[in-house]
Amino acid sequence: MPFNVLAWLKRRLHWGSTHAGDGGIFFEGGSGDTVDSAIIIRGAQADLIGTYAEFAWLAQVYGQKDRDWRLISHSHGVQRGRDIDTFVLRLQDGTSRTVYFDCTESFGKPLPTSSDD
């Protein structure tokens, strides 16, 4: 049976989660306005899951992509020993916003096999 990544992600992404004990994805850190206040992705066991969580956070905070905001750029770099994803958005009112995520925990990790679920 093929691995259904979307179903697996939906089971793993628990928005009400505030701690690691429930096995869901949660967010720590700051506002994401600077590298120092980057939003830390916790509980994402693979790179793709971490990226999915970043886009889900953006949708929760800024609304629907391509309606309420547009993605101008998405880049990755290592800053101060941390894997940082940088998103530059154009909001509906024309202003731009840069959001930083610390994806150190999941960056470069492959998706688990279905037996890991």
N, C-alpha and C. Protein backbone atom coordinates (compact mmCIF):
# COMPACT_ATOMS: atom_id res chain seq x y z
N MET A 1 0.84 -1.18 0.00
CA MET A 1 0.00 0.00 0.00
C MET A 1 0.89 1.25 0.00
N PRO A 2 0.64 2.23 -0.87
CA PRO A 2 1.47 3.43 -0.92
C PRO A 2 1.27 4.29 0.33
N PHE A 3 2.31 5.02 0.65
CA PHE A 3 2.29 5.91 1.81
C PHE A 3 1.52 7.18 1.47
N ASN A 4 0.47 7.51 2.20
CA ASN A 4 -0.35 8.70 1.99
C ASN A 4 0.18 9.81 2.87
N VAL A 5 1.06 10.65 2.30
CA VAL A 5 1.72 11.69 3.09
C VAL A 5 0.74 12.73 3.60
N LEU A 6 -0.27 13.09 2.83
CA LEU A 6 -1.23 14.10 3.30
C LEU A 6 -2.04 13.61 4.49
N ALA A 7 -2.48 12.37 4.45
CA ALA A 7 -3.22 11.82 5.60
C ALA A 7 -2.32 11.76 6.83
N TRP A 8 -1.07 11.36 6.62
CA TRP A 8 -0.13 11.27 7.72
C TRP A 8 0.11 12.65 8.33
N LEU A 9 0.30 13.67 7.47
CA LEU A 9 0.53 15.02 7.96
C LEU A 9 -0.66 15.54 8.76
N LYS A 10 -1.87 15.28 8.27
CA LYS A 10 -3.06 15.74 8.99
C LYS A 10 -3.14 15.12 10.38
N ARG A 11 -2.76 13.87 10.49
CA ARG A 11 -2.78 13.22 11.81
C ARG A 11 -1.71 13.80 12.73
N ARG A 12 -0.58 14.23 12.17
CA ARG A 12 0.53 14.70 12.98
C ARG A 12 0.45 16.18 13.35
N LEU A 13 -0.28 16.97 12.60
CA LEU A 13 -0.31 18.41 12.81
C LEU A 13 -1.49 18.77 13.70
N HIS A 14 -1.21 18.98 14.99
CA HIS A 14 -2.24 19.30 15.97
C HIS A 14 -2.08 20.77 16.37
N TRP A 15 -2.99 21.63 15.92
CA TRP A 15 -2.84 23.05 16.19
C TRP A 15 -2.97 23.41 17.65
N GLY A 16 -3.71 22.65 18.43
CA GLY A 16 -3.88 23.00 19.83
C GLY A 16 -2.69 22.61 20.69
N SER A 17 -1.73 21.94 20.11
CA SER A 17 -0.60 21.43 20.87
C SER A 17 0.29 22.55 21.39
N THR A 18 0.71 22.40 22.63
CA THR A 18 1.66 23.37 23.19
C THR A 18 2.88 22.67 23.77
N HIS A 19 2.93 21.35 23.68
CA HIS A 19 4.08 20.63 24.23
C HIS A 19 4.33 19.36 23.42
N ALA A 20 5.52 18.83 23.59
CA ALA A 20 5.95 17.68 22.79
C ALA A 20 5.26 16.39 23.20
N GLY A 21 4.69 16.32 24.36
CA GLY A 21 4.15 15.07 24.88
C GLY A 21 3.06 14.44 24.05
N ASP A 22 2.31 15.22 23.28
CA ASP A 22 1.21 14.62 22.52
C ASP A 22 1.63 14.20 21.11
N GLY A 23 2.89 14.37 20.76
CA GLY A 23 3.37 13.90 19.47
C GLY A 23 3.03 14.80 18.30
N GLY A 24 2.40 15.94 18.53
CA GLY A 24 2.03 16.84 17.45
C GLY A 24 3.11 17.87 17.17
N ILE A 25 2.86 18.67 16.16
CA ILE A 25 3.76 19.76 15.81
C ILE A 25 3.35 20.99 16.60
N PHE A 26 4.33 21.70 17.13
CA PHE A 26 4.02 22.92 17.85
C PHE A 26 5.11 23.95 17.59
N PHE A 27 4.88 25.17 18.02
CA PHE A 27 5.75 26.29 17.71
C PHE A 27 6.24 26.93 19.00
N GLU A 28 7.52 27.29 19.01
CA GLU A 28 8.13 28.00 20.14
C GLU A 28 8.85 29.21 19.58
N GLY A 29 9.51 29.92 20.45
CA GLY A 29 10.30 31.06 20.03
C GLY A 29 9.50 32.34 20.06
N GLY A 30 9.81 33.21 19.13
CA GLY A 30 9.21 34.53 19.15
C GLY A 30 8.24 34.77 18.02
N SER A 31 8.22 36.02 17.58
CA SER A 31 7.26 36.48 16.58
C SER A 31 7.66 36.14 15.16
N GLY A 32 8.93 35.81 14.93
CA GLY A 32 9.41 35.53 13.59
C GLY A 32 9.83 36.77 12.82
N ASP A 33 9.86 37.93 13.48
CA ASP A 33 10.22 39.18 12.81
C ASP A 33 11.72 39.29 12.52
N THR A 34 12.54 38.58 13.28
CA THR A 34 13.99 38.60 13.10
C THR A 34 14.52 37.18 13.26
N VAL A 35 15.78 36.97 12.88
CA VAL A 35 16.39 35.66 13.10
C VAL A 35 16.42 35.34 14.59
N ASP A 36 16.72 36.32 15.41
CA ASP A 36 16.78 36.10 16.85
C ASP A 36 15.42 35.74 17.44
N SER A 37 14.34 36.19 16.82
CA SER A 37 12.99 35.88 17.32
C SER A 37 12.28 34.87 16.40
N ALA A 38 13.07 34.04 15.72
CA ALA A 38 12.50 33.07 14.77
C ALA A 38 11.49 32.15 15.45
N ILE A 39 10.49 31.76 14.70
CA ILE A 39 9.50 30.78 15.15
C ILE A 39 10.15 29.41 15.04
N ILE A 40 10.22 28.69 16.12
CA ILE A 40 10.87 27.38 16.15
C ILE A 40 9.82 26.30 15.91
N ILE A 41 10.06 25.47 14.91
CA ILE A 41 9.16 24.36 14.58
C ILE A 41 9.60 23.16 15.41
N ARG A 42 8.70 22.63 16.22
CA ARG A 42 8.99 21.46 17.06
C ARG A 42 8.06 20.31 16.67
N GLY A 43 8.58 19.10 16.74
CA GLY A 43 7.78 17.91 16.50
C GLY A 43 7.70 17.47 15.05
N ALA A 44 8.27 18.24 14.14
CA ALA A 44 8.28 17.85 12.72
C ALA A 44 9.46 16.91 12.53
N GLN A 45 9.19 15.69 12.17
CA GLN A 45 10.24 14.68 12.09
C GLN A 45 10.88 14.59 10.71
N ALA A 46 10.45 15.43 9.78
CA ALA A 46 11.01 15.41 8.43
C ALA A 46 10.95 16.82 7.84
N ASP A 47 11.82 17.06 6.88
CA ASP A 47 11.91 18.36 6.24
C ASP A 47 10.58 18.80 5.64
N LEU A 48 9.92 17.92 4.90
CA LEU A 48 8.65 18.26 4.26
C LEU A 48 7.57 18.60 5.29
N ILE A 49 7.58 17.90 6.40
CA ILE A 49 6.60 18.16 7.45
C ILE A 49 6.86 19.53 8.08
N GLY A 50 8.12 19.88 8.28
CA GLY A 50 8.46 21.19 8.80
C GLY A 50 8.02 22.30 7.86
N THR A 51 8.24 22.10 6.56
CA THR A 51 7.82 23.10 5.58
C THR A 51 6.29 23.22 5.56
N TYR A 52 5.60 22.10 5.62
CA TYR A 52 4.14 22.12 5.68
C TYR A 52 3.68 22.91 6.92
N ALA A 53 4.34 22.70 8.05
CA ALA A 53 3.99 23.41 9.28
C ALA A 53 4.23 24.92 9.13
N GLU A 54 5.30 25.30 8.44
CA GLU A 54 5.57 26.72 8.22
C GLU A 54 4.44 27.36 7.41
N PHE A 55 4.04 26.70 6.32
CA PHE A 55 2.96 27.25 5.51
C PHE A 55 1.63 27.26 6.27
N ALA A 56 1.41 26.26 7.10
CA ALA A 56 0.19 26.22 7.91
C ALA A 56 0.19 27.38 8.92
N TRP A 57 1.34 27.67 9.53
CA TRP A 57 1.45 28.80 10.46
C TRP A 57 1.17 30.10 9.73
N LEU A 58 1.76 30.28 8.55
CA LEU A 58 1.53 31.49 7.76
C LEU A 58 0.05 31.66 7.43
N ALA A 59 -0.61 30.57 7.07
CA ALA A 59 -2.04 30.64 6.75
C ALA A 59 -2.86 30.99 7.99
N GLN A 60 -2.48 30.44 9.12
CA GLN A 60 -3.21 30.72 10.36
C GLN A 60 -3.06 32.19 10.76
N VAL A 61 -1.88 32.76 10.55
CA VAL A 61 -1.61 34.13 10.98
C VAL A 61 -2.01 35.17 9.93
N TYR A 62 -1.71 34.90 8.66
CA TYR A 62 -1.91 35.90 7.60
C TYR A 62 -3.07 35.61 6.66
N GLY A 63 -3.69 34.45 6.78
CA GLY A 63 -4.82 34.11 5.92
C GLY A 63 -4.41 33.22 4.76
N GLN A 64 -5.28 33.11 3.82
CA GLN A 64 -5.10 32.18 2.70
C GLN A 64 -4.05 32.70 1.71
N LYS A 65 -3.12 31.81 1.38
CA LYS A 65 -2.08 32.14 0.38
C LYS A 65 -2.74 32.44 -0.96
N ASP A 66 -2.22 33.41 -1.66
CA ASP A 66 -2.68 33.87 -2.97
C ASP A 66 -4.02 34.58 -2.95
N ARG A 67 -4.62 34.72 -1.77
CA ARG A 67 -5.79 35.58 -1.61
C ARG A 67 -5.45 36.73 -0.67
N ASP A 68 -4.95 36.38 0.52
CA ASP A 68 -4.62 37.38 1.54
C ASP A 68 -3.14 37.79 1.50
N TRP A 69 -2.31 36.94 0.95
CA TRP A 69 -0.88 37.22 0.83
C TRP A 69 -0.30 36.39 -0.30
N ARG A 70 0.82 36.87 -0.82
CA ARG A 70 1.54 36.16 -1.88
C ARG A 70 2.98 35.90 -1.41
N LEU A 71 3.49 34.76 -1.81
CA LEU A 71 4.87 34.41 -1.49
C LEU A 71 5.80 35.06 -2.51
N ILE A 72 6.66 35.94 -2.04
CA ILE A 72 7.65 36.60 -2.90
C ILE A 72 8.90 35.74 -2.99
N SER A 73 9.36 35.24 -1.84
CA SER A 73 10.52 34.34 -1.84
C SER A 73 10.51 33.46 -0.59
N HIS A 74 11.16 32.32 -0.74
CA HIS A 74 11.33 31.36 0.36
C HIS A 74 12.76 30.86 0.22
N SER A 75 13.58 31.10 1.23
CA SER A 75 14.97 30.69 1.15
C SER A 75 15.40 30.03 2.45
N HIS A 76 16.51 29.34 2.38
CA HIS A 76 17.07 28.66 3.55
C HIS A 76 18.53 29.07 3.69
N GLY A 77 18.96 29.18 4.93
CA GLY A 77 20.37 29.44 5.21
C GLY A 77 20.69 29.05 6.64
N VAL A 78 21.96 28.99 6.92
CA VAL A 78 22.41 28.71 8.29
C VAL A 78 22.87 30.03 8.89
N GLN A 79 22.25 30.39 9.99
CA GLN A 79 22.59 31.63 10.68
C GLN A 79 22.78 31.33 12.16
N ARG A 80 23.94 31.70 12.65
CA ARG A 80 24.28 31.46 14.07
C ARG A 80 24.11 29.98 14.45
N GLY A 81 24.47 29.10 13.50
CA GLY A 81 24.40 27.66 13.77
C GLY A 81 23.01 27.06 13.71
N ARG A 82 22.04 27.82 13.26
CA ARG A 82 20.66 27.34 13.19
C ARG A 82 20.20 27.33 11.73
N ASP A 83 19.42 26.32 11.36
CA ASP A 83 18.81 26.27 10.03
C ASP A 83 17.60 27.20 10.04
N ILE A 84 17.66 28.24 9.20
CA ILE A 84 16.63 29.27 9.18
C ILE A 84 15.98 29.32 7.80
N ASP A 85 14.66 29.19 7.77
CA ASP A 85 13.88 29.41 6.56
C ASP A 85 13.35 30.84 6.62
N THR A 86 13.51 31.56 5.52
CA THR A 86 13.07 32.95 5.44
C THR A 86 12.00 33.08 4.38
N PHE A 87 10.86 33.59 4.77
CA PHE A 87 9.74 33.82 3.86
C PHE A 87 9.55 35.32 3.71
N VAL A 88 9.47 35.79 2.48
CA VAL A 88 9.11 37.18 2.22
C VAL A 88 7.73 37.15 1.57
N LEU A 89 6.78 37.84 2.21
CA LEU A 89 5.39 37.86 1.78
C LEU A 89 5.00 39.24 1.30
N ARG A 90 4.06 39.30 0.40
CA ARG A 90 3.41 40.56 0.03
C ARG A 90 1.96 40.43 0.51
N LEU A 91 1.59 41.27 1.48
CA LEU A 91 0.25 41.23 2.04
C LEU A 91 -0.74 41.89 1.09
N GLN A 92 -2.00 41.65 1.33
CA GLN A 92 -3.06 42.17 0.46
C GLN A 92 -3.03 43.69 0.33
N ASP A 93 -2.60 44.38 1.39
CA ASP A 93 -2.54 45.85 1.34
C ASP A 93 -1.28 46.38 0.64
N GLY A 94 -0.44 45.46 0.12
CA GLY A 94 0.75 45.86 -0.61
C GLY A 94 2.03 45.91 0.20
N THR A 95 1.92 45.81 1.52
CA THR A 95 3.12 45.83 2.35
C THR A 95 3.82 44.47 2.29
N SER A 96 5.11 44.49 2.54
CA SER A 96 5.83 43.22 2.58
C SER A 96 6.14 42.85 4.02
N ARG A 97 6.28 41.57 4.25
CA ARG A 97 6.56 41.05 5.59
C ARG A 97 7.57 39.93 5.44
N THR A 98 8.59 39.93 6.27
CA THR A 98 9.57 38.85 6.30
C THR A 98 9.35 38.06 7.58
N VAL A 99 9.29 36.73 7.45
CA VAL A 99 9.05 35.84 8.59
C VAL A 99 10.17 34.80 8.61
N TYR A 100 10.76 34.60 9.79
CA TYR A 100 11.86 33.66 9.97
C TYR A 100 11.40 32.47 10.80
N PHE A 101 11.74 31.27 10.32
CA PHE A 101 11.45 30.03 11.03
C PHE A 101 12.76 29.31 11.31
N ASP A 102 12.91 28.79 12.51
CA ASP A 102 14.04 27.93 12.85
C ASP A 102 13.58 26.49 12.61
N CYS A 103 14.13 25.89 11.55
CA CYS A 103 13.73 24.53 11.16
C CYS A 103 14.86 23.53 11.43
N THR A 104 15.75 23.86 12.37
CA THR A 104 16.92 23.03 12.67
C THR A 104 16.53 21.59 12.99
N GLU A 105 15.44 21.41 13.72
CA GLU A 105 15.05 20.08 14.17
C GLU A 105 14.69 19.14 13.01
N SER A 106 14.16 19.67 11.93
CA SER A 106 13.68 18.82 10.85
C SER A 106 14.43 18.97 9.54
N PHE A 107 15.26 19.99 9.39
CA PHE A 107 15.87 20.27 8.09
C PHE A 107 16.71 19.10 7.58
N GLY A 108 16.45 18.71 6.34
CA GLY A 108 17.21 17.66 5.68
C GLY A 108 16.82 16.24 6.03
N LYS A 109 15.86 16.07 6.92
CA LYS A 109 15.44 14.72 7.31
C LYS A 109 14.39 14.19 6.34
N PRO A 110 14.51 12.92 5.92
CA PRO A 110 13.53 12.36 4.99
C PRO A 110 12.22 12.00 5.69
N LEU A 111 11.18 11.84 4.89
CA LEU A 111 9.89 11.40 5.43
C LEU A 111 10.06 9.99 6.01
N PRO A 112 9.36 9.68 7.08
CA PRO A 112 9.41 8.32 7.62
C PRO A 112 8.71 7.35 6.67
N THR A 113 9.08 6.10 6.77
CA THR A 113 8.36 5.09 5.99
C THR A 113 7.04 4.81 6.69
N SER A 114 6.14 4.15 6.01
CA SER A 114 4.82 3.88 6.59
C SER A 114 4.93 3.04 7.85
N SER A 115 5.98 2.25 7.98
CA SER A 115 6.15 1.43 9.21
C SER A 115 6.56 2.29 10.40
N ASP A 116 7.02 3.55 10.14
CA ASP A 116 7.39 4.44 11.23
C ASP A 116 6.19 5.18 11.81
N ASP A 117 5.05 5.06 11.20
CA ASP A 117 3.86 5.82 11.59
C ASP A 117 3.24 5.30 12.85
